Amino acid sequence: MRGTFWIAVIAVLTLAGCSSSTSPDGGGASTTITVGNDFFSPTPDTVAPGVVTFTWSAASHGHTLTWDSGPGTLPANTGTITSGSRTVTLQAGRYEYHCSIHGSPGAGMHGTIIVQ
């Protein structure tokens, strides 16, 4: 009986050690960011270098994707978009962005992507 108990404890601890966790910077490693009515989700987000897709989801009014900071040359800002998607290729670093209609850097509708 004691052997069975310890096997169960070891199994539980092993599984707990294998479970995923989110970065302290947040996010869920999603390479798709939803642009909704006055929000970006997820934000902050932590992803690997490469393509990130911003998808406008049932927006009743338009939103922009305006880059504030990041390494190297920033992706092009968008004009007002009400539906569809846009992709950007990001290298390692921290990127800040906002909707120029509904936010400003650090306030209102804004987001962060950590690429590592």
Protein backbone atom coordinates (compact mmCIF):
# COMPACT_ATOMS: atom_id res chain seq x y z
CA MET A 1 0.00 0.00 0.00
CA ARG A 2 2.80 2.41 0.89
CA GLY A 3 4.54 1.74 -2.44
CA THR A 4 1.34 2.56 -4.33
CA PHE A 5 0.99 5.81 -2.40
CA TRP A 6 4.52 6.96 -3.29
CA ILE A 7 4.09 5.97 -6.93
CA ALA A 8 0.94 8.10 -7.07
CA VAL A 9 2.74 11.04 -5.40
CA ILE A 10 5.65 10.82 -7.85
CA ALA A 11 3.26 10.61 -10.81
CA VAL A 12 1.36 13.71 -9.67
CA LEU A 13 4.57 15.69 -9.11
CA THR A 14 5.95 14.62 -12.48
CA LEU A 15 2.79 15.70 -14.28
CA ALA A 16 2.75 19.00 -12.39
CA GLY A 17 6.34 19.64 -13.43
CA CYS A 18 5.44 19.05 -17.08
CA SER A 19 2.47 21.36 -17.17
CA SER A 20 2.84 24.58 -19.10
CA SER A 21 2.83 27.95 -17.47
CA THR A 22 2.51 31.44 -18.80
CA SER A 23 5.44 33.77 -18.93
CA PRO A 24 5.66 36.42 -16.22
CA ASP A 25 5.23 38.84 -19.11
CA GLY A 26 1.79 37.31 -19.76
CA GLY A 27 0.23 35.99 -22.91
CA GLY A 28 -0.38 32.50 -24.06
CA ALA A 29 2.10 32.18 -26.92
CA SER A 30 -0.66 32.89 -29.41
CA THR A 31 0.47 34.05 -32.83
CA THR A 32 -3.02 35.40 -33.50
CA ILE A 33 -4.14 38.58 -31.77
CA THR A 34 -7.81 39.51 -31.86
CA VAL A 35 -8.69 43.15 -32.46
CA GLY A 36 -12.13 43.68 -30.97
CA ASN A 37 -14.28 46.55 -29.84
CA ASP A 38 -11.72 48.56 -27.86
CA PHE A 39 -9.31 45.71 -27.03
CA PHE A 40 -6.40 43.62 -28.27
CA SER A 41 -6.31 40.02 -26.98
CA PRO A 42 -4.14 38.48 -25.71
CA THR A 43 -1.93 41.25 -24.41
CA PRO A 44 0.72 41.07 -23.34
CA ASP A 45 1.66 38.07 -25.42
CA THR A 46 4.92 36.11 -25.62
CA VAL A 47 5.72 34.44 -28.95
CA ALA A 48 8.62 32.99 -30.92
CA PRO A 49 10.12 35.10 -33.73
CA GLY A 50 8.11 34.95 -36.94
CA VAL A 51 4.67 35.83 -38.24
CA VAL A 52 1.97 37.26 -35.96
CA THR A 53 -1.56 37.74 -37.31
CA PHE A 54 -3.90 40.50 -36.12
CA THR A 55 -7.54 39.59 -36.84
CA TRP A 56 -10.34 42.15 -36.65
CA SER A 57 -13.21 40.29 -35.00
CA ALA A 58 -16.73 41.57 -35.58
CA ALA A 59 -15.63 45.15 -35.02
CA SER A 60 -18.58 47.52 -35.09
CA HIS A 61 -16.22 50.41 -35.68
CA GLY A 62 -12.73 50.62 -37.14
CA HIS A 63 -9.41 50.20 -35.38
CA THR A 64 -5.81 50.84 -36.37
CA LEU A 65 -2.60 49.02 -35.58
CA THR A 66 -0.05 51.73 -34.77
CA TRP A 67 3.42 50.63 -33.67
CA ASP A 68 5.05 52.62 -30.83
CA SER A 69 8.29 50.79 -30.18
CA GLY A 70 10.26 47.69 -31.01
CA PRO A 71 13.65 46.59 -32.28
CA GLY A 72 14.82 47.50 -35.76
CA THR A 73 12.43 48.82 -38.36
CA LEU A 74 8.85 48.63 -37.11
CA PRO A 75 6.10 47.08 -39.26
CA ALA A 76 3.95 49.50 -41.25
CA ASN A 77 1.04 51.07 -39.41
CA THR A 78 -2.41 50.31 -40.76
CA GLY A 79 -5.14 52.71 -41.60
CA THR A 80 -8.60 52.16 -40.12
CA ILE A 81 -9.70 48.55 -40.55
CA THR A 82 -13.14 47.12 -39.71
CA SER A 83 -12.66 43.44 -40.70
CA GLY A 84 -10.10 41.00 -42.03
CA SER A 85 -6.55 40.39 -40.88
CA ARG A 86 -3.01 41.70 -41.21
CA THR A 87 0.22 39.79 -40.65
CA VAL A 88 3.57 41.11 -39.46
CA THR A 89 6.93 39.40 -39.10
CA LEU A 90 8.62 40.15 -35.79
CA GLN A 91 12.19 39.55 -34.60
CA ALA A 92 13.25 39.07 -30.98
CA GLY A 93 12.43 42.02 -28.71
CA ARG A 94 9.57 43.87 -27.05
CA TYR A 95 6.94 45.59 -29.21
CA GLU A 96 4.36 48.15 -28.06
CA TYR A 97 1.38 49.15 -30.20
CA HIS A 98 -1.99 50.91 -29.92
CA CYS A 99 -5.14 51.87 -31.82
CA SER A 100 -4.76 55.51 -32.84
CA ILE A 101 -8.55 55.95 -32.66
CA HIS A 102 -9.16 54.43 -29.22
CA GLY A 103 -5.89 54.71 -27.35
CA SER A 104 -2.45 56.14 -27.01
CA PRO A 105 0.85 54.54 -26.06
CA GLY A 106 0.27 52.96 -22.64
CA ALA A 107 -3.38 54.05 -22.32
CA GLY A 108 -6.73 53.00 -23.73
CA MET A 109 -6.56 50.38 -26.48
CA HIS A 110 -2.91 49.25 -26.52
CA GLY A 111 -0.88 46.05 -26.49
CA THR A 112 2.50 44.43 -25.99
CA ILE A 113 4.20 41.52 -27.72
CA ILE A 114 7.38 39.97 -26.32
CA VAL A 115 9.22 37.99 -28.99
CA GLN A 116 11.81 35.51 -27.69
